[in-house]
PDB file of N, CA and C in Angstrom:
ATOM      1  N   UNK A   1     -28.675 -56.620 -38.747  1.00  0.00           N
ATOM      2  CA  UNK A   1     -27.511 -56.307 -38.811  1.00  0.00           C
ATOM      3  C   UNK A   1     -26.776 -55.475 -37.676  1.00  0.00           C
ATOM      4  N   UNK A   2     -25.720 -55.584 -37.657  1.00  0.00           N
ATOM      5  CA  UNK A   2     -25.069 -54.993 -36.743  1.00  0.00           C
ATOM      6  C   UNK A   2     -24.568 -54.032 -36.292  1.00  0.00           C
ATOM      7  N   UNK A   3     -25.070 -52.872 -35.320  1.00  0.00           N
ATOM      8  CA  UNK A   3     -24.905 -51.524 -35.123  1.00  0.00           C
ATOM      9  C   UNK A   3     -22.891 -51.036 -34.265  1.00  0.00           C
ATOM     10  N   UNK A   4     -22.273 -49.846 -35.204  1.00  0.00           N
ATOM     11  CA  UNK A   4     -20.751 -50.164 -35.300  1.00  0.00           C
ATOM     12  C   UNK A   4     -20.546 -48.711 -34.982  1.00  0.00           C
ATOM     13  N   UNK A   5     -19.583 -48.083 -34.815  1.00  0.00           N
ATOM     14  CA  UNK A   5     -18.916 -47.105 -34.216  1.00  0.00           C
ATOM     15  C   UNK A   5     -17.325 -47.456 -34.448  1.00  0.00           C
ATOM     16  N   UNK A   6     -16.971 -45.986 -35.778  1.00  0.00           N
ATOM     17  CA  UNK A   6     -15.813 -46.226 -36.098  1.00  0.00           C
ATOM     18  C   UNK A   6     -15.034 -44.801 -36.358  1.00  0.00           C
ATOM     19  N   UNK A   7     -13.778 -44.755 -35.296  1.00  0.00           N
ATOM     20  CA  UNK A   7     -13.159 -43.455 -35.151  1.00  0.00           C
ATOM     21  C   UNK A   7     -12.061 -43.576 -35.694  1.00  0.00           C
ATOM     22  N   UNK A   8     -11.414 -42.552 -36.491  1.00  0.00           N
ATOM     23  CA  UNK A   8      -9.937 -42.859 -37.345  1.00  0.00           C
ATOM     24  C   UNK A   8      -9.808 -41.501 -37.497  1.00  0.00           C
ATOM     25  N   UNK A   9      -8.482 -41.350 -36.665  1.00  0.00           N
ATOM     26  CA  UNK A   9      -7.111 -40.010 -37.271  1.00  0.00           C
ATOM     27  C   UNK A   9      -6.504 -40.135 -38.804  1.00  0.00           C
ATOM     28  N   UNK A  10      -6.675 -38.699 -38.857  1.00  0.00           N
ATOM     29  CA  UNK A  10      -5.987 -38.256 -40.010  1.00  0.00           C
ATOM     30  C   UNK A  10      -5.096 -37.380 -39.814  1.00  0.00           C
ATOM     31  N   UNK A  11      -4.589 -37.467 -40.753  1.00  0.00           N
ATOM     32  CA  UNK A  11      -3.181 -36.304 -40.664  1.00  0.00           C
ATOM     33  C   UNK A  11      -3.682 -34.959 -40.492  1.00  0.00           C
ATOM     34  N   UNK A  12      -2.769 -34.187 -39.773  1.00  0.00           N
ATOM     35  CA  UNK A  12      -3.444 -32.872 -39.501  1.00  0.00           C
ATOM     36  C   UNK A  12      -2.831 -32.169 -41.045  1.00  0.00           C
ATOM     37  N   UNK A  13      -1.945 -32.835 -41.397  1.00  0.00           N
ATOM     38  CA  UNK A  13      -1.719 -31.517 -42.944  1.00  0.00           C
ATOM     39  C   UNK A  13      -2.117 -31.804 -44.093  1.00  0.00           C
ATOM     40  N   UNK A  14      -3.555 -32.559 -44.106  1.00  0.00           N
ATOM     41  CA  UNK A  14      -4.108 -32.980 -45.147  1.00  0.00           C
ATOM     42  C   UNK A  14      -4.566 -31.702 -45.645  1.00  0.00           C
ATOM     43  N   UNK A  15      -4.636 -31.902 -46.828  1.00  0.00           N
ATOM     44  CA  UNK A  15      -5.782 -31.287 -47.582  1.00  0.00           C
ATOM     45  C   UNK A  15      -7.338 -31.380 -48.160  1.00  0.00           C
ATOM     46  N   UNK A  16      -7.402 -30.093 -47.435  1.00  0.00           N
ATOM     47  CA  UNK A  16      -9.420 -30.113 -47.683  1.00  0.00           C
ATOM     48  C   UNK A  16      -9.590 -31.830 -48.771  1.00  0.00           C
ATOM     49  N   UNK A  17      -9.793 -31.425 -49.321  1.00  0.00           N
ATOM     50  CA  UNK A  17      -9.839 -32.193 -50.644  1.00  0.00           C
ATOM     51  C   UNK A  17      -9.298 -33.687 -50.215  1.00  0.00           C
ATOM     52  N   UNK A  18      -8.169 -34.494 -49.641  1.00  0.00           N
ATOM     53  CA  UNK A  18      -7.702 -35.843 -48.992  1.00  0.00           C
ATOM     54  C   UNK A  18      -8.640 -36.143 -48.232  1.00  0.00           C
ATOM     55  N   UNK A  19      -8.735 -35.047 -46.948  1.00  0.00           N
ATOM     56  CA  UNK A  19      -9.703 -35.429 -46.318  1.00  0.00           C
ATOM     57  C   UNK A  19     -11.002 -35.943 -46.436  1.00  0.00           C
ATOM     58  N   UNK A  20     -11.846 -35.076 -47.867  1.00  0.00           N
ATOM     59  CA  UNK A  20     -12.837 -35.239 -48.463  1.00  0.00           C
ATOM     60  C   UNK A  20     -12.813 -36.915 -48.954  1.00  0.00           C
ATOM     61  N   UNK A  21     -12.232 -36.987 -49.699  1.00  0.00           N
ATOM     62  CA  UNK A  21     -11.780 -38.612 -50.679  1.00  0.00           C
ATOM     63  C   UNK A  21     -11.547 -39.357 -49.363  1.00  0.00           C
ATOM     64  N   UNK A  22     -11.104 -39.400 -48.385  1.00  0.00           N
ATOM     65  CA  UNK A  22     -11.379 -40.094 -46.879  1.00  0.00           C
ATOM     66  C   UNK A  22     -12.058 -40.822 -46.619  1.00  0.00           C
ATOM     67  N   UNK A  23     -13.416 -39.290 -46.370  1.00  0.00           N
ATOM     68  CA  UNK A  23     -14.828 -39.693 -46.117  1.00  0.00           C
ATOM     69  C   UNK A  23     -15.524 -40.092 -46.695  1.00  0.00           C
ATOM     70  N   UNK A  24     -15.249 -39.806 -48.435  1.00  0.00           N
ATOM     71  CA  UNK A  24     -15.907 -40.679 -49.227  1.00  0.00           C
ATOM     72  C   UNK A  24     -15.229 -42.428 -49.493  1.00  0.00           C
ATOM     73  N   UNK A  25     -13.870 -42.677 -49.400  1.00  0.00           N
ATOM     74  CA  UNK A  25     -13.885 -44.588 -49.147  1.00  0.00           C
ATOM     75  C   UNK A  25     -13.812 -44.904 -48.261  1.00  0.00           C
ATOM     76  N   UNK A  26     -14.989 -44.237 -46.777  1.00  0.00           N
ATOM     77  CA  UNK A  26     -15.739 -45.222 -45.833  1.00  0.00           C
ATOM     78  C   UNK A  26     -16.967 -45.046 -46.326  1.00  0.00           C
ATOM     79  N   UNK A  27     -17.245 -44.521 -46.675  1.00  0.00           N
ATOM     80  CA  UNK A  27     -18.636 -44.708 -47.190  1.00  0.00           C
ATOM     81  C   UNK A  27     -18.645 -45.822 -47.655  1.00  0.00           C
ATOM     82  N   UNK A  28     -18.476 -45.106 -49.306  1.00  0.00           N
ATOM     83  CA  UNK A  28     -18.286 -46.153 -50.289  1.00  0.00           C
ATOM     84  C   UNK A  28     -17.944 -47.799 -49.593  1.00  0.00           C
ATOM     85  N   UNK A  29     -16.791 -47.878 -49.039  1.00  0.00           N
ATOM     86  CA  UNK A  29     -16.737 -49.111 -48.427  1.00  0.00           C
ATOM     87  C   UNK A  29     -18.282 -49.592 -47.700  1.00  0.00           C
ATOM     88  N   UNK A  30     -18.566 -49.391 -46.840  1.00  0.00           N
ATOM     89  CA  UNK A  30     -19.986 -49.427 -46.279  1.00  0.00           C
ATOM     90  C   UNK A  30     -20.989 -49.842 -47.168  1.00  0.00           C
ATOM     91  N   UNK A  31     -20.924 -49.071 -47.786  1.00  0.00           N
ATOM     92  CA  UNK A  31     -22.123 -49.115 -48.735  1.00  0.00           C
ATOM     93  C   UNK A  31     -22.190 -49.787 -49.900  1.00  0.00           C
ATOM     94  N   UNK A  32     -21.142 -50.347 -50.442  1.00  0.00           N
ATOM     95  CA  UNK A  32     -20.698 -51.378 -51.033  1.00  0.00           C
ATOM     96  C   UNK A  32     -20.935 -52.702 -50.610  1.00  0.00           C
ATOM     97  N   UNK A  33     -20.272 -53.119 -49.212  1.00  0.00           N
ATOM     98  CA  UNK A  33     -21.060 -54.564 -48.439  1.00  0.00           C
ATOM     99  C   UNK A  33     -22.437 -54.300 -48.252  1.00  0.00           C
ATOM    100  N   UNK A  34     -23.191 -53.473 -48.552  1.00  0.00           N
ATOM    101  CA  UNK A  34     -24.684 -53.605 -47.957  1.00  0.00           C
ATOM    102  C   UNK A  34     -24.480 -52.924 -47.390  1.00  0.00           C
ATOM    103  N   UNK A  35     -23.518 -52.429 -46.070  1.00  0.00           N
ATOM    104  CA  UNK A  35     -24.693 -51.330 -44.962  1.00  0.00           C
ATOM    105  C   UNK A  35     -24.723 -50.483 -45.058  1.00  0.00           C
ATOM    106  N   UNK A  36     -25.177 -49.773 -44.112  1.00  0.00           N
ATOM    107  CA  UNK A  36     -25.347 -48.308 -44.518  1.00  0.00           C
ATOM    108  C   UNK A  36     -24.895 -47.165 -43.268  1.00  0.00           C
ATOM    109  N   UNK A  37     -24.166 -46.137 -43.654  1.00  0.00           N
ATOM    110  CA  UNK A  37     -23.649 -45.351 -42.771  1.00  0.00           C
ATOM    111  C   UNK A  37     -25.280 -44.234 -42.352  1.00  0.00           C
ATOM    112  N   UNK A  38     -24.734 -44.354 -41.118  1.00  0.00           N
ATOM    113  CA  UNK A  38     -26.347 -43.789 -40.790  1.00  0.00           C
ATOM    114  C   UNK A  38     -25.673 -41.816 -40.432  1.00  0.00           C
ATOM    115  N   UNK A  39     -24.138 -41.967 -39.364  1.00  0.00           N
ATOM    116  CA  UNK A  39     -23.974 -40.428 -39.299  1.00  0.00           C
ATOM    117  C   UNK A  39     -22.410 -40.695 -38.858  1.00  0.00           C
ATOM    118  N   UNK A  40     -22.093 -39.189 -40.373  1.00  0.00           N
ATOM    119  CA  UNK A  40     -20.506 -38.742 -39.675  1.00  0.00           C
ATOM    120  C   UNK A  40     -20.191 -37.533 -39.308  1.00  0.00           C
ATOM    121  N   UNK A  41     -19.681 -37.654 -38.177  1.00  0.00           N
ATOM    122  CA  UNK A  41     -19.129 -36.767 -37.546  1.00  0.00           C
ATOM    123  C   UNK A  41     -17.697 -36.031 -37.389  1.00  0.00           C
ATOM    124  N   UNK A  42     -17.976 -35.280 -38.193  1.00  0.00           N
ATOM    125  CA  UNK A  42     -16.442 -34.484 -38.028  1.00  0.00           C
ATOM    126  C   UNK A  42     -15.619 -33.779 -36.834  1.00  0.00           C
ATOM    127  N   UNK A  43     -14.843 -34.068 -36.221  1.00  0.00           N
ATOM    128  CA  UNK A  43     -15.105 -33.422 -34.521  1.00  0.00           C
ATOM    129  C   UNK A  43     -13.458 -32.616 -35.115  1.00  0.00           C
ATOM    130  N   UNK A  44     -12.717 -32.524 -36.118  1.00  0.00           N
ATOM    131  CA  UNK A  44     -11.701 -31.121 -36.371  1.00  0.00           C
ATOM    132  C   UNK A  44     -10.332 -32.363 -35.945  1.00  0.00           C
ATOM    133  N   UNK A  45      -9.468 -30.986 -35.788  1.00  0.00           N
ATOM    134  CA  UNK A  45      -8.342 -31.044 -35.549  1.00  0.00           C
ATOM    135  C   UNK A  45      -8.091 -31.113 -33.593  1.00  0.00           C
ATOM    136  N   UNK A  46      -7.462 -31.638 -33.461  1.00  0.00           N
ATOM    137  CA  UNK A  46      -7.228 -31.696 -31.591  1.00  0.00           C
ATOM    138  C   UNK A  46      -6.356 -32.663 -31.334  1.00  0.00           C
ATOM    139  N   UNK A  47      -5.434 -32.285 -30.189  1.00  0.00           N
ATOM    140  CA  UNK A  47      -4.703 -32.139 -29.853  1.00  0.00           C
ATOM    141  C   UNK A  47      -4.406 -34.418 -29.415  1.00  0.00           C
ATOM    142  N   UNK A  48      -2.925 -34.735 -29.560  1.00  0.00           N
ATOM    143  CA  UNK A  48      -3.648 -36.232 -29.903  1.00  0.00           C
ATOM    144  C   UNK A  48      -2.932 -36.405 -28.384  1.00  0.00           C
ATOM    145  N   UNK A  49      -2.883 -37.460 -27.394  1.00  0.00           N
ATOM    146  CA  UNK A  49      -2.766 -37.866 -26.096  1.00  0.00           C
ATOM    147  C   UNK A  49      -1.365 -37.760 -25.907  1.00  0.00           C
ATOM    148  N   UNK A  50      -0.814 -38.208 -27.046  1.00  0.00           N
ATOM    149  CA  UNK A  50       0.422 -38.749 -26.907  1.00  0.00           C
ATOM    150  C   UNK A  50       0.824 -38.758 -28.322  1.00  0.00           C
ATOM    151  N   UNK A  51       2.509 -38.550 -29.194  1.00  0.00           N
ATOM    152  CA  UNK A  51       2.850 -38.057 -30.155  1.00  0.00           C
ATOM    153  C   UNK A  51       2.656 -39.857 -31.201  1.00  0.00           C
ATOM    154  N   UNK A  52       1.975 -39.670 -32.520  1.00  0.00           N
ATOM    155  CA  UNK A  52       2.129 -40.715 -33.101  1.00  0.00           C
ATOM    156  C   UNK A  52       2.793 -40.524 -34.183  1.00  0.00           C
ATOM    157  N   UNK A  53       4.443 -40.996 -34.693  1.00  0.00           N
ATOM    158  CA  UNK A  53       4.656 -40.825 -35.955  1.00  0.00           C
ATOM    159  C   UNK A  53       5.186 -39.651 -36.191  1.00  0.00           C
ATOM    160  N   UNK A  54       5.503 -38.477 -34.901  1.00  0.00           N
ATOM    161  CA  UNK A  54       5.939 -37.557 -34.962  1.00  0.00           C
ATOM    162  C   UNK A  54       4.272 -36.543 -35.097  1.00  0.00           C
ATOM    163  N   UNK A  55       3.295 -36.982 -35.283  1.00  0.00           N
ATOM    164  CA  UNK A  55       2.621 -36.029 -35.180  1.00  0.00           C
ATOM    165  C   UNK A  55       1.868 -35.935 -33.767  1.00  0.00           C
ATOM    166  N   UNK A  56       1.181 -34.387 -33.008  1.00  0.00           N
ATOM    167  CA  UNK A  56       0.861 -34.345 -31.785  1.00  0.00           C
ATOM    168  C   UNK A  56      -0.415 -33.909 -32.511  1.00  0.00           C
ATOM    169  N   UNK A  57      -1.018 -33.921 -33.250  1.00  0.00           N
ATOM    170  CA  UNK A  57      -2.427 -33.098 -33.418  1.00  0.00           C
ATOM    171  C   UNK A  57      -2.873 -34.070 -34.722  1.00  0.00           C
ATOM    172  N   UNK A  58      -4.493 -34.013 -34.820  1.00  0.00           N
ATOM    173  CA  UNK A  58      -4.703 -35.721 -36.202  1.00  0.00           C
ATOM    174  C   UNK A  58      -6.001 -34.546 -36.208  1.00  0.00           C
ATOM    175  N   UNK A  59      -6.501 -35.395 -37.412  1.00  0.00           N
ATOM    176  CA  UNK A  59      -8.101 -34.837 -37.398  1.00  0.00           C
ATOM    177  C   UNK A  59      -9.083 -36.064 -37.092  1.00  0.00           C
ATOM    178  N   UNK A  60      -9.943 -35.604 -36.352  1.00  0.00           N
ATOM    179  CA  UNK A  60     -10.711 -36.792 -35.609  1.00  0.00           C
ATOM    180  C   UNK A  60     -11.941 -37.273 -36.442  1.00  0.00           C
ATOM    181  N   UNK A  61     -12.523 -38.049 -36.549  1.00  0.00           N
ATOM    182  CA  UNK A  61     -13.428 -38.547 -37.699  1.00  0.00           C
ATOM    183  C   UNK A  61     -14.362 -39.524 -36.984  1.00  0.00           C
ATOM    184  N   UNK A  62     -15.607 -39.653 -36.591  1.00  0.00           N
ATOM    185  CA  UNK A  62     -16.095 -40.757 -36.141  1.00  0.00           C
ATOM    186  C   UNK A  62     -17.473 -41.341 -37.053  1.00  0.00           C
ATOM    187  N   UNK A  63     -18.173 -42.618 -37.366  1.00  0.00           N
ATOM    188  CA  UNK A  63     -18.906 -42.367 -38.255  1.00  0.00           C
ATOM    189  C   UNK A  63     -19.842 -43.988 -37.671  1.00  0.00           C
ATOM    190  N   UNK A  64     -20.836 -43.395 -37.680  1.00  0.00           N
ATOM    191  CA  UNK A  64     -21.559 -44.825 -36.601  1.00  0.00           C
ATOM    192  C   UNK A  64     -22.449 -45.716 -38.484  1.00  0.00           C
ATOM    193  N   UNK A  65     -22.309 -47.003 -38.562  1.00  0.00           N
ATOM    194  CA  UNK A  65     -22.571 -47.073 -39.722  1.00  0.00           C
ATOM    195  C   UNK A  65     -23.621 -48.732 -39.114  1.00  0.00           C
ATOM    196  N   UNK A  66     -24.153 -49.615 -39.850  1.00  0.00           N
ATOM    197  CA  UNK A  66     -24.586 -50.950 -39.553  1.00  0.00           C
ATOM    198  C   UNK A  66     -24.588 -51.291 -40.767  1.00  0.00           C
ATOM    199  N   UNK A  67     -24.051 -52.814 -40.473  1.00  0.00           N
ATOM    200  CA  UNK A  67     -23.319 -54.077 -41.268  1.00  0.00           C
ATOM    201  C   UNK A  67     -23.392 -55.029 -40.717  1.00  0.00           C
ATOM    202  N   UNK A  68     -22.134 -56.560 -41.244  1.00  0.00           N
ATOM    203  CA  UNK A  68     -22.154 -57.392 -40.747  1.00  0.00           C
ATOM    204  C   UNK A  68     -20.665 -57.365 -40.366  1.00  0.00           C
ATOM    205  N   UNK A  69     -20.065 -58.315 -39.599  1.00  0.00           N
ATOM    206  CA  UNK A  69     -18.687 -58.988 -39.337  1.00  0.00           C
ATOM    207  C   UNK A  69     -17.619 -58.229 -40.274  1.00  0.00           C
ATOM    208  N   UNK A  70     -18.099 -58.604 -42.064  1.00  0.00           N
ATOM    209  CA  UNK A  70     -17.098 -58.416 -43.312  1.00  0.00           C
ATOM    210  C   UNK A  70     -17.055 -56.757 -43.207  1.00  0.00           C
ATOM    211  N   UNK A  71     -17.760 -55.810 -43.216  1.00  0.00           N
ATOM    212  CA  UNK A  71     -17.506 -55.034 -43.189  1.00  0.00           C
ATOM    213  C   UNK A  71     -16.846 -54.108 -42.385  1.00  0.00           C
ATOM    214  N   UNK A  72     -16.864 -53.929 -40.993  1.00  0.00           N
ATOM    215  CA  UNK A  72     -15.615 -54.171 -40.219  1.00  0.00           C
ATOM    216  C   UNK A  72     -14.911 -54.329 -39.954  1.00  0.00           C
ATOM    217  N   UNK A  73     -14.331 -55.769 -40.551  1.00  0.00           N
ATOM    218  CA  UNK A  73     -13.055 -56.149 -40.863  1.00  0.00           C
ATOM    219  C   UNK A  73     -12.017 -55.262 -42.229  1.00  0.00           C
ATOM    220  N   UNK A  74     -13.164 -54.908 -43.405  1.00  0.00           N
ATOM    221  CA  UNK A  74     -12.850 -55.055 -44.635  1.00  0.00           C
ATOM    222  C   UNK A  74     -12.370 -53.204 -44.266  1.00  0.00           C
ATOM    223  N   UNK A  75     -13.215 -52.417 -43.539  1.00  0.00           N
ATOM    224  CA  UNK A  75     -12.506 -51.077 -43.365  1.00  0.00           C
ATOM    225  C   UNK A  75     -11.153 -51.077 -42.327  1.00  0.00           C
ATOM    226  N   UNK A  76     -11.799 -51.887 -41.605  1.00  0.00           N
ATOM    227  CA  UNK A  76     -10.139 -51.996 -40.431  1.00  0.00           C
ATOM    228  C   UNK A  76      -8.871 -52.136 -41.296  1.00  0.00           C
ATOM    229  N   UNK A  77      -9.075 -53.057 -42.408  1.00  0.00           N
ATOM    230  CA  UNK A  77      -8.123 -53.343 -43.354  1.00  0.00           C
ATOM    231  C   UNK A  77      -7.782 -52.488 -44.713  1.00  0.00           C
ATOM    232  N   UNK A  78      -8.800 -51.702 -44.659  1.00  0.00           N
ATOM    233  CA  UNK A  78      -8.883 -50.404 -45.538  1.00  0.00           C
ATOM    234  C   UNK A  78      -7.666 -49.242 -44.901  1.00  0.00           C
ATOM    235  N   UNK A  79      -7.796 -49.249 -43.562  1.00  0.00           N
ATOM    236  CA  UNK A  79      -7.362 -47.796 -42.424  1.00  0.00           C
ATOM    237  C   UNK A  79      -6.098 -48.266 -42.365  1.00  0.00           C
ATOM    238  N   UNK A  80      -5.714 -49.401 -42.362  1.00  0.00           N
ATOM    239  CA  UNK A  80      -4.777 -49.508 -41.572  1.00  0.00           C
ATOM    240  C   UNK A  80      -3.443 -49.526 -43.013  1.00  0.00           C
ATOM    241  N   UNK A  81      -4.104 -50.063 -44.017  1.00  0.00           N
ATOM    242  CA  UNK A  81      -3.057 -49.874 -45.192  1.00  0.00           C
ATOM    243  C   UNK A  81      -3.155 -48.025 -46.347  1.00  0.00           C
ATOM    244  N   UNK A  82      -4.140 -47.159 -45.636  1.00  0.00           N
ATOM    245  CA  UNK A  82      -3.721 -46.080 -46.063  1.00  0.00           C
ATOM    246  C   UNK A  82      -3.022 -45.287 -44.812  1.00  0.00           C
ATOM    247  N   UNK A  83      -2.233 -44.461 -45.885  1.00  0.00           N
ATOM    248  CA  UNK A  83      -1.096 -43.610 -44.942  1.00  0.00           C
ATOM    249  C   UNK A  83      -1.574 -42.256 -44.396  1.00  0.00           C
ATOM    250  N   UNK A  84      -2.844 -41.875 -44.893  1.00  0.00           N
ATOM    251  CA  UNK A  84      -3.088 -40.633 -44.513  1.00  0.00           C
ATOM    252  C   UNK A  84      -3.889 -40.663 -42.793  1.00  0.00           C
ATOM    253  N   UNK A  85      -4.075 -42.188 -42.878  1.00  0.00           N
ATOM    254  CA  UNK A  85      -4.886 -42.055 -41.325  1.00  0.00           C
ATOM    255  C   UNK A  85      -3.382 -42.972 -40.635  1.00  0.00           C
ATOM    256  N   UNK A  86      -3.394 -42.082 -39.151  1.00  0.00           N
ATOM    257  CA  UNK A  86      -2.598 -42.224 -38.483  1.00  0.00           C
ATOM    258  C   UNK A  86      -3.187 -43.538 -36.810  1.00  0.00           C
ATOM    259  N   UNK A  87      -4.411 -43.336 -36.683  1.00  0.00           N
ATOM    260  CA  UNK A  87      -5.149 -44.479 -36.136  1.00  0.00           C
ATOM    261  C   UNK A  87      -6.450 -44.688 -36.174  1.00  0.00           C
ATOM    262  N   UNK A  88      -7.090 -46.167 -36.163  1.00  0.00           N
ATOM    263  CA  UNK A  88      -8.207 -45.952 -36.580  1.00  0.00           C
ATOM    264  C   UNK A  88      -9.325 -46.708 -35.183  1.00  0.00           C
ATOM    265  N   UNK A  89     -10.073 -47.227 -35.246  1.00  0.00           N
ATOM    266  CA  UNK A  89     -10.942 -48.374 -34.307  1.00  0.00           C
ATOM    267  C   UNK A  89     -12.454 -48.681 -34.913  1.00  0.00           C
ATOM    268  N   UNK A  90     -12.741 -49.965 -34.755  1.00  0.00           N
ATOM    269  CA  UNK A  90     -14.186 -49.740 -35.242  1.00  0.00           C
ATOM    270  C   UNK A  90     -14.871 -51.097 -33.884  1.00  0.00           C
ATOM    271  N   UNK A  91     -15.574 -50.339 -33.179  1.00  0.00           N
ATOM    272  CA  UNK A  91     -16.282 -50.424 -32.025  1.00  0.00           C
ATOM    273  C   UNK A  91     -17.578 -51.040 -32.265  1.00  0.00           C
ATOM    274  N   UNK A  92     -18.304 -52.278 -32.025  1.00  0.00           N
ATOM    275  CA  UNK A  92     -19.614 -52.963 -32.007  1.00  0.00           C
ATOM    276  C   UNK A  92     -20.307 -52.484 -30.507  1.00  0.00           C
ATOM    277  N   UNK A  93     -21.608 -51.862 -31.178  1.00  0.00           N
ATOM    278  CA  UNK A  93     -22.161 -51.550 -30.460  1.00  0.00           C
ATOM    279  C   UNK A  93     -23.090 -52.239 -30.140  1.00  0.00           C
ATOM    280  N   UNK A  94     -23.232 -52.549 -28.654  1.00  0.00           N
ATOM    281  CA  UNK A  94     -24.497 -53.193 -28.503  1.00  0.00           C
ATOM    282  C   UNK A  94     -25.549 -53.149 -27.973  1.00  0.00           C
ATOM    283  N   UNK A  95     -26.687 -53.870 -27.910  1.00  0.00           N
ATOM    284  CA  UNK A  95     -28.319 -52.729 -27.718  1.00  0.00           C
ATOM    285  C   UNK A  95     -28.501 -52.999 -26.417  1.00  0.00           C
TER     286      UNK A  95
END
């Protein structure tokens, strides 16, 4: 299994329940595909470098997980269609 780091930015005006639902959805996706979430680091609300979709701030989340390439592809697909996510990126960490 490979090590991955996922960073995604949620809309800053989301309610606490919607943020929690987004965190759980990512974790369920990883675990449902046979991977394991090692750490979820919530950075909180931060200013964006440039405006994205008229947002100048976002709620940053970093997730470290283990899994295969299919998990990475599925998470990328789900985050791209989620309207609450401004941006996301998955990076494979080398040993």
